[in-house]
Protein backbone atom coordinates (compact mmCIF):
# COMPACT_ATOMS: atom_id res chain seq x y z
CA MET A 1 -1.10 -24.09 -12.80
CA THR A 2 -3.32 -21.67 -10.95
CA LEU A 3 -4.42 -18.16 -11.90
CA VAL A 4 -4.96 -15.79 -8.96
CA ARG A 5 -6.53 -12.38 -9.39
CA MET A 6 -4.72 -10.72 -6.53
CA CYS A 7 -7.03 -7.76 -5.83
CA GLU A 8 -10.15 -9.93 -5.98
CA ALA A 9 -8.56 -12.56 -3.73
CA ALA A 10 -7.56 -9.88 -1.19
CA GLN A 11 -11.09 -8.44 -1.12
CA ALA A 12 -12.45 -11.94 -0.43
CA LEU A 13 -10.28 -12.40 2.67
CA PRO A 14 -12.41 -12.50 5.83
CA GLU A 15 -10.31 -9.95 7.76
CA ALA A 16 -7.95 -7.11 6.94
CA TRP A 17 -4.34 -7.63 8.05
CA SER A 18 -4.84 -11.40 8.15
CA SER A 19 -2.59 -12.90 5.48
CA ARG A 20 -3.23 -15.98 3.39
CA VAL A 21 -0.41 -18.06 1.90
CA LEU A 22 -1.08 -18.34 -1.84
CA ALA A 23 2.02 -20.30 -2.83
CA ARG A 24 5.31 -21.69 -1.60
CA PHE A 25 8.57 -21.58 -3.53
CA GLY A 26 11.14 -23.74 -1.75
CA ASP A 27 11.43 -22.18 1.72
CA ALA A 28 9.79 -18.93 0.60
CA GLN A 29 6.10 -18.10 0.76
CA TRP A 30 3.93 -15.65 -1.15
CA LYS A 31 1.28 -14.20 1.18
CA LEU A 32 -1.61 -11.91 0.36
CA LEU A 33 -3.45 -9.50 2.61
CA ARG A 34 -5.81 -6.57 2.51
CA MET A 35 -4.93 -3.28 4.22
CA ASP A 36 -7.89 -1.32 5.62
CA ALA A 37 -6.44 2.02 6.84
CA ALA A 38 -5.85 0.66 10.36
CA ALA A 39 -2.35 0.66 11.82
CA TYR A 40 -0.37 -2.56 12.27
CA PRO A 41 1.90 -2.81 15.33
CA GLU A 42 5.70 -2.97 15.42
CA GLU A 43 7.31 -6.27 14.58
CA SER A 44 10.61 -7.73 13.44
CA HIS A 45 11.55 -11.09 11.98
CA GLY A 46 14.56 -13.36 11.83
CA TYR A 47 14.35 -13.27 8.03
CA THR A 48 14.23 -10.68 5.25
CA GLU A 49 10.70 -9.69 4.27
CA GLY A 50 9.56 -8.24 0.95
CA LEU A 51 6.48 -5.98 1.01
CA PHE A 52 5.01 -5.52 -2.48
CA VAL A 53 2.00 -3.21 -2.88
CA ILE A 54 -0.32 -4.39 -5.67
CA ASP A 55 -2.75 -1.49 -5.34
CA GLY A 56 -3.20 1.34 -2.86
CA GLU A 57 -0.48 2.60 -0.53
CA MET A 58 1.34 1.30 2.54
CA ARG A 59 2.66 3.85 5.04
CA LEU A 60 5.56 2.03 6.58
CA ALA A 61 7.52 3.16 9.65
CA VAL A 62 11.08 1.86 9.89
CA GLY A 63 12.85 3.32 12.91
CA ASP A 64 12.31 7.09 12.76
CA GLU A 65 11.76 7.01 9.00
CA ALA A 66 8.32 7.21 7.34
CA ILE A 67 8.22 5.44 3.98
CA SER A 68 5.37 5.49 1.49
CA VAL A 69 5.20 2.33 -0.63
CA ARG A 70 2.82 2.71 -3.57
CA ALA A 71 1.27 0.37 -6.11
CA GLY A 72 3.94 -1.44 -8.08
CA GLU A 73 6.65 -0.80 -5.48
CA LEU A 74 8.55 -3.29 -3.33
CA TYR A 75 10.14 -2.49 0.03
CA VAL A 76 12.62 -5.00 1.44
CA VAL A 77 12.87 -5.11 5.24
CA PRO A 78 16.15 -6.71 6.36
CA ALA A 79 16.07 -9.41 9.03
CA GLY A 80 15.89 -8.02 12.57
CA VAL A 81 14.70 -4.54 11.56
CA VAL A 82 11.72 -3.26 13.58
CA HIS A 83 8.93 -1.92 11.39
CA SER A 84 5.23 -1.05 11.63
CA VAL A 85 2.43 0.20 9.41
CA ALA A 86 0.97 3.64 10.08
CA PRO A 87 -2.75 4.45 9.87
CA GLY A 88 -4.05 5.28 6.41
CA SER A 89 -2.54 2.31 4.59
CA TYR A 90 -5.01 0.71 2.19
CA GLY A 91 -5.15 -1.70 -0.72
CA THR A 92 -3.60 -5.05 -1.55
CA LEU A 93 -0.24 -6.18 -0.18
CA VAL A 94 1.87 -9.22 -1.05
CA ILE A 95 4.42 -10.38 1.51
CA LEU A 96 7.41 -12.48 0.47
CA ASP A 97 9.11 -14.26 3.35
CA THR A 98 10.40 -17.58 4.62
C-alpha cells in the first residue's frame, strides 16, 4: 500500500497542468495535477472524465455554461463533451479517466 499526500504531491510536480498518473484501477487511472491560474484550452475525450478538486477552485467552461468546481466537489464530463478551464483556476485537481 502507498500513502499519497495529494496537495504535497501536486506542489512537487515540475509543471502546472501536467498530470501525473498516481494509480490505475483496471482500465481507469487516477491522475493528479496542479492548477496555476492559467487557462487550459478546449478539449474533448472519447471517455467520461471525472474532475475532482482537492483544494482551490476550477473554473470550468462547458459549452456556453461557466461552472465553478470547488474543493471537495466532483464534476463529471460526459464522453465527447467539449470543455475548457478558464483563467483563475488554482489548487489541486484529480482526474479520473480511462
